[in-house]
PDB file of N, CA and C in Angstrom:
ATOM      1  N   UNK A   1      42.332  -0.738   0.352  1.00  0.00           N
ATOM      2  CA  UNK A   1      42.815  -1.431  -0.819  1.00  0.00           C
ATOM      3  C   UNK A   1      44.324  -1.624  -0.695  1.00  0.00           C
ATOM      4  N   UNK A   2      44.776  -2.593  -1.364  1.00  0.00           N
ATOM      5  CA  UNK A   2      46.207  -2.903  -1.316  1.00  0.00           C
ATOM      6  C   UNK A   2      46.981  -1.931  -2.193  1.00  0.00           C
ATOM      7  N   UNK A   3      48.235  -1.742  -1.923  1.00  0.00           N
ATOM      8  CA  UNK A   3      49.072  -0.843  -2.707  1.00  0.00           C
ATOM      9  C   UNK A   3      49.550  -1.461  -4.005  1.00  0.00           C
ATOM     10  N   UNK A   4      49.071  -2.660  -4.354  1.00  0.00           N
ATOM     11  CA  UNK A   4      49.510  -3.351  -5.567  1.00  0.00           C
ATOM     12  C   UNK A   4      48.877  -2.772  -6.828  1.00  0.00           C
ATOM     13  N   UNK A   5      47.839  -1.990  -6.707  1.00  0.00           N
ATOM     14  CA  UNK A   5      47.119  -1.479  -7.861  1.00  0.00           C
ATOM     15  C   UNK A   5      47.670  -0.128  -8.270  1.00  0.00           C
ATOM     16  N   UNK A   6      47.784   0.099  -9.594  1.00  0.00           N
ATOM     17  CA  UNK A   6      48.147   1.442 -10.027  1.00  0.00           C
ATOM     18  C   UNK A   6      46.885   2.293 -10.030  1.00  0.00           C
ATOM     19  N   UNK A   7      47.002   3.573 -10.169  1.00  0.00           N
ATOM     20  CA  UNK A   7      45.882   4.519 -10.007  1.00  0.00           C
ATOM     21  C   UNK A   7      44.712   4.235 -10.952  1.00  0.00           C
ATOM     22  N   UNK A   8      44.912   3.980 -12.262  1.00  0.00           N
ATOM     23  CA  UNK A   8      43.756   3.697 -13.132  1.00  0.00           C
ATOM     24  C   UNK A   8      42.999   2.444 -12.691  1.00  0.00           C
ATOM     25  N   UNK A   9      43.718   1.403 -12.286  1.00  0.00           N
ATOM     26  CA  UNK A   9      43.047   0.188 -11.815  1.00  0.00           C
ATOM     27  C   UNK A   9      42.270   0.458 -10.534  1.00  0.00           C
ATOM     28  N   UNK A  10      42.878   1.206  -9.657  1.00  0.00           N
ATOM     29  CA  UNK A  10      42.220   1.541  -8.391  1.00  0.00           C
ATOM     30  C   UNK A  10      40.956   2.361  -8.655  1.00  0.00           C
ATOM     31  N   UNK A  11      41.040   3.340  -9.539  1.00  0.00           N
ATOM     32  CA  UNK A  11      39.873   4.162  -9.878  1.00  0.00           C
ATOM     33  C   UNK A  11      38.767   3.302 -10.485  1.00  0.00           C
ATOM     34  N   UNK A  12      39.177   2.380 -11.356  1.00  0.00           N
ATOM     35  CA  UNK A  12      38.193   1.496 -11.975  1.00  0.00           C
ATOM     36  C   UNK A  12      37.511   0.625 -10.926  1.00  0.00           C
ATOM     37  N   UNK A  13      38.261   0.084 -10.000  1.00  0.00           N
ATOM     38  CA  UNK A  13      37.676  -0.744  -8.945  1.00  0.00           C
ATOM     39  C   UNK A  13      36.716   0.058  -8.071  1.00  0.00           C
ATOM     40  N   UNK A  14      37.089   1.283  -7.767  1.00  0.00           N
ATOM     41  CA  UNK A  14      36.200   2.138  -6.966  1.00  0.00           C
ATOM     42  C   UNK A  14      34.918   2.420  -7.745  1.00  0.00           C
ATOM     43  N   UNK A  15      35.051   2.699  -9.025  1.00  0.00           N
ATOM     44  CA  UNK A  15      33.871   2.970  -9.858  1.00  0.00           C
ATOM     45  C   UNK A  15      32.991   1.726  -9.952  1.00  0.00           C
ATOM     46  N   UNK A  16      33.606   0.566 -10.139  1.00  0.00           N
ATOM     47  CA  UNK A  16      32.835  -0.679 -10.203  1.00  0.00           C
ATOM     48  C   UNK A  16      32.121  -0.957  -8.879  1.00  0.00           C
ATOM     49  N   UNK A  17      32.817  -0.725  -7.787  1.00  0.00           N
ATOM     50  CA  UNK A  17      32.207  -0.940  -6.475  1.00  0.00           C
ATOM     51  C   UNK A  17      31.000  -0.027  -6.283  1.00  0.00           C
ATOM     52  N   UNK A  18      31.120   1.214  -6.724  1.00  0.00           N
ATOM     53  CA  UNK A  18      30.010   2.160  -6.630  1.00  0.00           C
ATOM     54  C   UNK A  18      28.832   1.705  -7.487  1.00  0.00           C
ATOM     55  N   UNK A  19      29.132   1.236  -8.701  1.00  0.00           N
ATOM     56  CA  UNK A  19      28.065   0.768  -9.599  1.00  0.00           C
ATOM     57  C   UNK A  19      27.382  -0.481  -9.043  1.00  0.00           C
ATOM     58  N   UNK A  20      28.160  -1.374  -8.460  1.00  0.00           N
ATOM     59  CA  UNK A  20      27.581  -2.588  -7.876  1.00  0.00           C
ATOM     60  C   UNK A  20      26.675  -2.222  -6.706  1.00  0.00           C
ATOM     61  N   UNK A  21      27.078  -1.281  -5.887  1.00  0.00           N
ATOM     62  CA  UNK A  21      26.220  -0.827  -4.778  1.00  0.00           C
ATOM     63  C   UNK A  21      24.908  -0.256  -5.311  1.00  0.00           C
ATOM     64  N   UNK A  22      25.000   0.564  -6.357  1.00  0.00           N
ATOM     65  CA  UNK A  22      23.791   1.149  -6.946  1.00  0.00           C
ATOM     66  C   UNK A  22      22.908   0.054  -7.536  1.00  0.00           C
ATOM     67  N   UNK A  23      23.525  -0.924  -8.174  1.00  0.00           N
ATOM     68  CA  UNK A  23      22.776  -2.036  -8.763  1.00  0.00           C
ATOM     69  C   UNK A  23      22.077  -2.851  -7.681  1.00  0.00           C
ATOM     70  N   UNK A  24      22.769  -3.114  -6.583  1.00  0.00           N
ATOM     71  CA  UNK A  24      22.159  -3.847  -5.468  1.00  0.00           C
ATOM     72  C   UNK A  24      20.965  -3.082  -4.912  1.00  0.00           C
ATOM     73  N   UNK A  25      21.096  -1.786  -4.815  1.00  0.00           N
ATOM     74  CA  UNK A  25      20.003  -0.957  -4.326  1.00  0.00           C
ATOM     75  C   UNK A  25      18.806  -1.009  -5.281  1.00  0.00           C
ATOM     76  N   UNK A  26      19.098  -0.927  -6.585  1.00  0.00           N
ATOM     77  CA  UNK A  26      18.023  -0.995  -7.581  1.00  0.00           C
ATOM     78  C   UNK A  26      17.317  -2.347  -7.548  1.00  0.00           C
ATOM     79  N   UNK A  27      18.081  -3.419  -7.395  1.00  0.00           N
ATOM     80  CA  UNK A  27      17.486  -4.754  -7.335  1.00  0.00           C
ATOM     81  C   UNK A  27      16.602  -4.885  -6.099  1.00  0.00           C
ATOM     82  N   UNK A  28      17.061  -4.372  -4.970  1.00  0.00           N
ATOM     83  CA  UNK A  28      16.255  -4.427  -3.748  1.00  0.00           C
ATOM     84  C   UNK A  28      14.962  -3.644  -3.923  1.00  0.00           C
ATOM     85  N   UNK A  29      15.059  -2.476  -4.533  1.00  0.00           N
ATOM     86  CA  UNK A  29      13.862  -1.666  -4.766  1.00  0.00           C
ATOM     87  C   UNK A  29      12.893  -2.387  -5.689  1.00  0.00           C
ATOM     88  N   UNK A  30      13.410  -2.999  -6.741  1.00  0.00           N
ATOM     89  CA  UNK A  30      12.573  -3.750  -7.673  1.00  0.00           C
ATOM     90  C   UNK A  30      11.904  -4.922  -6.968  1.00  0.00           C
ATOM     91  N   UNK A  31      12.656  -5.605  -6.108  1.00  0.00           N
ATOM     92  CA  UNK A  31      12.108  -6.727  -5.347  1.00  0.00           C
ATOM     93  C   UNK A  31      10.984  -6.251  -4.433  1.00  0.00           C
ATOM     94  N   UNK A  32      11.190  -5.121  -3.778  1.00  0.00           N
ATOM     95  CA  UNK A  32      10.161  -4.588  -2.887  1.00  0.00           C
ATOM     96  C   UNK A  32       8.893  -4.228  -3.652  1.00  0.00           C
ATOM     97  N   UNK A  33       9.049  -3.591  -4.807  1.00  0.00           N
ATOM     98  CA  UNK A  33       7.889  -3.210  -5.626  1.00  0.00           C
ATOM     99  C   UNK A  33       7.160  -4.457  -6.114  1.00  0.00           C
ATOM    100  N   UNK A  34       7.926  -5.459  -6.550  1.00  0.00           N
ATOM    101  CA  UNK A  34       7.320  -6.699  -7.032  1.00  0.00           C
ATOM    102  C   UNK A  34       6.565  -7.401  -5.913  1.00  0.00           C
ATOM    103  N   UNK A  35       7.133  -7.427  -4.732  1.00  0.00           N
ATOM    104  CA  UNK A  35       6.466  -8.047  -3.588  1.00  0.00           C
ATOM    105  C   UNK A  35       5.174  -7.305  -3.255  1.00  0.00           C
ATOM    106  N   UNK A  36       5.218  -5.973  -3.277  1.00  0.00           N
ATOM    107  CA  UNK A  36       4.016  -5.183  -2.999  1.00  0.00           C
ATOM    108  C   UNK A  36       2.931  -5.469  -4.024  1.00  0.00           C
ATOM    109  N   UNK A  37       3.296  -5.516  -5.297  1.00  0.00           N
ATOM    110  CA  UNK A  37       2.309  -5.782  -6.348  1.00  0.00           C
ATOM    111  C   UNK A  37       1.749  -7.189  -6.215  1.00  0.00           C
ATOM    112  N   UNK A  38       2.599  -8.144  -5.900  1.00  0.00           N
ATOM    113  CA  UNK A  38       2.157  -9.525  -5.731  1.00  0.00           C
ATOM    114  C   UNK A  38       1.167  -9.627  -4.575  1.00  0.00           C
ATOM    115  N   UNK A  39       1.473  -8.977  -3.474  1.00  0.00           N
ATOM    116  CA  UNK A  39       0.578  -8.985  -2.317  1.00  0.00           C
ATOM    117  C   UNK A  39      -0.756  -8.341  -2.674  1.00  0.00           C
ATOM    118  N   UNK A  40      -0.705  -7.233  -3.412  1.00  0.00           N
ATOM    119  CA  UNK A  40      -1.924  -6.549  -3.828  1.00  0.00           C
ATOM    120  C   UNK A  40      -2.774  -7.456  -4.713  1.00  0.00           C
ATOM    121  N   UNK A  41      -2.134  -8.162  -5.638  1.00  0.00           N
ATOM    122  CA  UNK A  41      -2.879  -9.067  -6.516  1.00  0.00           C
ATOM    123  C   UNK A  41      -3.491 -10.222  -5.733  1.00  0.00           C
ATOM    124  N   UNK A  42      -2.762 -10.747  -4.767  1.00  0.00           N
ATOM    125  CA  UNK A  42      -3.299 -11.834  -3.943  1.00  0.00           C
ATOM    126  C   UNK A  42      -4.532 -11.383  -3.176  1.00  0.00           C
ATOM    127  N   UNK A  43      -4.492 -10.180  -2.638  1.00  0.00           N
ATOM    128  CA  UNK A  43      -5.638  -9.644  -1.902  1.00  0.00           C
ATOM    129  C   UNK A  43      -6.832  -9.479  -2.831  1.00  0.00           C
ATOM    130  N   UNK A  44      -6.585  -8.925  -4.024  1.00  0.00           N
ATOM    131  CA  UNK A  44      -7.679  -8.723  -4.975  1.00  0.00           C
ATOM    132  C   UNK A  44      -8.267 -10.048  -5.440  1.00  0.00           C
ATOM    133  N   UNK A  45      -7.423 -11.046  -5.697  1.00  0.00           N
ATOM    134  CA  UNK A  45      -7.917 -12.352  -6.135  1.00  0.00           C
ATOM    135  C   UNK A  45      -8.731 -13.002  -5.019  1.00  0.00           C
ATOM    136  N   UNK A  46      -8.240 -12.915  -3.781  1.00  0.00           N
ATOM    137  CA  UNK A  46      -8.968 -13.490  -2.652  1.00  0.00           C
ATOM    138  C   UNK A  46     -10.351 -12.849  -2.528  1.00  0.00           C
ATOM    139  N   UNK A  47     -10.411 -11.529  -2.702  1.00  0.00           N
ATOM    140  CA  UNK A  47     -11.685 -10.814  -2.632  1.00  0.00           C
ATOM    141  C   UNK A  47     -12.627 -11.276  -3.747  1.00  0.00           C
ATOM    142  N   UNK A  48     -12.098 -11.435  -4.956  1.00  0.00           N
ATOM    143  CA  UNK A  48     -12.921 -11.911  -6.068  1.00  0.00           C
ATOM    144  C   UNK A  48     -13.429 -13.330  -5.815  1.00  0.00           C
ATOM    145  N   UNK A  49     -12.578 -14.174  -5.255  1.00  0.00           N
ATOM    146  CA  UNK A  49     -13.012 -15.534  -4.939  1.00  0.00           C
ATOM    147  C   UNK A  49     -14.137 -15.531  -3.909  1.00  0.00           C
ATOM    148  N   UNK A  50     -14.038 -14.668  -2.913  1.00  0.00           N
ATOM    149  CA  UNK A  50     -15.084 -14.586  -1.889  1.00  0.00           C
ATOM    150  C   UNK A  50     -16.396 -14.115  -2.506  1.00  0.00           C
ATOM    151  N   UNK A  51     -16.325 -13.076  -3.341  1.00  0.00           N
ATOM    152  CA  UNK A  51     -17.538 -12.580  -3.988  1.00  0.00           C
ATOM    153  C   UNK A  51     -18.142 -13.638  -4.913  1.00  0.00           C
ATOM    154  N   UNK A  52     -17.285 -14.384  -5.599  1.00  0.00           N
ATOM    155  CA  UNK A  52     -17.774 -15.455  -6.472  1.00  0.00           C
ATOM    156  C   UNK A  52     -18.498 -16.530  -5.682  1.00  0.00           C
ATOM    157  N   UNK A  53     -17.931 -16.913  -4.540  1.00  0.00           N
ATOM    158  CA  UNK A  53     -18.567 -17.927  -3.703  1.00  0.00           C
ATOM    159  C   UNK A  53     -19.911 -17.430  -3.176  1.00  0.00           C
ATOM    160  N   UNK A  54     -19.959 -16.152  -2.780  1.00  0.00           N
ATOM    161  CA  UNK A  54     -21.234 -15.601  -2.298  1.00  0.00           C
ATOM    162  C   UNK A  54     -22.260 -15.547  -3.425  1.00  0.00           C
ATOM    163  N   UNK A  55     -21.822 -15.208  -4.626  1.00  0.00           N
ATOM    164  CA  UNK A  55     -22.746 -15.141  -5.765  1.00  0.00           C
ATOM    165  C   UNK A  55     -23.293 -16.531  -6.089  1.00  0.00           C
ATOM    166  N   UNK A  56     -22.438 -17.537  -6.049  1.00  0.00           N
ATOM    167  CA  UNK A  56     -22.897 -18.906  -6.309  1.00  0.00           C
ATOM    168  C   UNK A  56     -23.882 -19.341  -5.239  1.00  0.00           C
ATOM    169  N   UNK A  57     -23.594 -19.003  -3.986  1.00  0.00           N
ATOM    170  CA  UNK A  57     -24.521 -19.335  -2.900  1.00  0.00           C
ATOM    171  C   UNK A  57     -25.865 -18.648  -3.074  1.00  0.00           C
ATOM    172  N   UNK A  58     -25.830 -17.383  -3.465  1.00  0.00           N
ATOM    173  CA  UNK A  58     -27.078 -16.644  -3.671  1.00  0.00           C
ATOM    174  C   UNK A  58     -27.878 -17.234  -4.831  1.00  0.00           C
ATOM    175  N   UNK A  59     -27.201 -17.584  -5.915  1.00  0.00           N
ATOM    176  CA  UNK A  59     -27.903 -18.186  -7.055  1.00  0.00           C
ATOM    177  C   UNK A  59     -28.504 -19.541  -6.688  1.00  0.00           C
ATOM    178  N   UNK A  60     -27.782 -20.313  -5.891  1.00  0.00           N
ATOM    179  CA  UNK A  60     -28.303 -21.604  -5.439  1.00  0.00           C
ATOM    180  C   UNK A  60     -29.555 -21.403  -4.595  1.00  0.00           C
ATOM    181  N   UNK A  61     -29.525 -20.425  -3.712  1.00  0.00           N
ATOM    182  CA  UNK A  61     -30.679 -20.122  -2.872  1.00  0.00           C
ATOM    183  C   UNK A  61     -31.871 -19.702  -3.730  1.00  0.00           C
ATOM    184  N   UNK A  62     -31.625 -18.867  -4.718  1.00  0.00           N
ATOM    185  CA  UNK A  62     -32.698 -18.421  -5.612  1.00  0.00           C
ATOM    186  C   UNK A  62     -33.278 -19.608  -6.371  1.00  0.00           C
ATOM    187  N   UNK A  63     -32.433 -20.532  -6.789  1.00  0.00           N
ATOM    188  CA  UNK A  63     -32.930 -21.715  -7.503  1.00  0.00           C
ATOM    189  C   UNK A  63     -33.812 -22.566  -6.598  1.00  0.00           C
ATOM    190  N   UNK A  64     -33.394 -22.766  -5.346  1.00  0.00           N
ATOM    191  CA  UNK A  64     -34.202 -23.563  -4.421  1.00  0.00           C
ATOM    192  C   UNK A  64     -35.543 -22.886  -4.145  1.00  0.00           C
ATOM    193  N   UNK A  65     -35.515 -21.572  -3.987  1.00  0.00           N
ATOM    194  CA  UNK A  65     -36.761 -20.848  -3.745  1.00  0.00           C
ATOM    195  C   UNK A  65     -37.675 -20.973  -4.963  1.00  0.00           C
ATOM    196  N   UNK A  66     -37.095 -20.800  -6.140  1.00  0.00           N
ATOM    197  CA  UNK A  66     -37.885 -20.928  -7.373  1.00  0.00           C
ATOM    198  C   UNK A  66     -38.427 -22.331  -7.542  1.00  0.00           C
ATOM    199  N   UNK A  67     -37.625 -23.340  -7.235  1.00  0.00           N
ATOM    200  CA  UNK A  67     -38.075 -24.722  -7.347  1.00  0.00           C
ATOM    201  C   UNK A  67     -39.193 -25.009  -6.348  1.00  0.00           C
ATOM    202  N   UNK A  68     -39.034 -24.460  -5.138  1.00  0.00           N
ATOM    203  CA  UNK A  68     -40.087 -24.640  -4.124  1.00  0.00           C
ATOM    204  C   UNK A  68     -41.383 -23.977  -4.556  1.00  0.00           C
ATOM    205  N   UNK A  69     -41.275 -22.811  -5.164  1.00  0.00           N
ATOM    206  CA  UNK A  69     -42.470 -22.108  -5.653  1.00  0.00           C
ATOM    207  C   UNK A  69     -43.150 -22.922  -6.751  1.00  0.00           C
ATOM    208  N   UNK A  70     -42.364 -23.505  -7.651  1.00  0.00           N
ATOM    209  CA  UNK A  70     -42.937 -24.337  -8.721  1.00  0.00           C
ATOM    210  C   UNK A  70     -43.639 -25.551  -8.148  1.00  0.00           C
ATOM    211  N   UNK A  71     -43.068 -26.146  -7.114  1.00  0.00           N
ATOM    212  CA  UNK A  71     -43.720 -27.312  -6.493  1.00  0.00           C
ATOM    213  C   UNK A  71     -45.064 -26.942  -5.875  1.00  0.00           C
ATOM    214  N   UNK A  72     -45.144 -25.743  -5.286  1.00  0.00           N
ATOM    215  CA  UNK A  72     -46.435 -25.323  -4.705  1.00  0.00           C
ATOM    216  C   UNK A  72     -47.451 -25.072  -5.808  1.00  0.00           C
ATOM    217  N   UNK A  73     -47.016 -24.622  -6.964  1.00  0.00           N
ATOM    218  CA  UNK A  73     -47.951 -24.406  -8.076  1.00  0.00           C
ATOM    219  C   UNK A  73     -48.476 -25.728  -8.631  1.00  0.00           C
ATOM    220  N   UNK A  74     -47.675 -26.782  -8.572  1.00  0.00           N
ATOM    221  CA  UNK A  74     -48.073 -28.075  -9.124  1.00  0.00           C
ATOM    222  C   UNK A  74     -49.011 -28.842  -8.218  1.00  0.00           C
ATOM    223  N   UNK A  75     -49.165 -28.454  -6.957  1.00  0.00           N
ATOM    224  CA  UNK A  75     -50.053 -29.187  -6.033  1.00  0.00           C
ATOM    225  C   UNK A  75     -51.490 -28.944  -6.337  1.00  0.00           C
TER     226      UNK A  75
END
C-alpha cells in the first residue's frame, strides 16, 4: 500500500479487502452448490422423462394387444 494513507484509512482498507475476499469465497461456494443442485435436478428430470416415455410405450402396447383381442372376439 502507498504511504499516502493514515492508519485508520489503511486499517479500513485492509478490513474491506478481507471482507471482499470472504464475500468472493461465499459467492463461489453458493455458485458451486447451485450448480450441483441444478445438475441433480436435470438428472432427475431426465430420468422421469425416460420413465414417462416407457410408460406411454407400455400403455400403447397394452392398447394394441387389447384391440387385437377384441378383433378376435368379433370374428
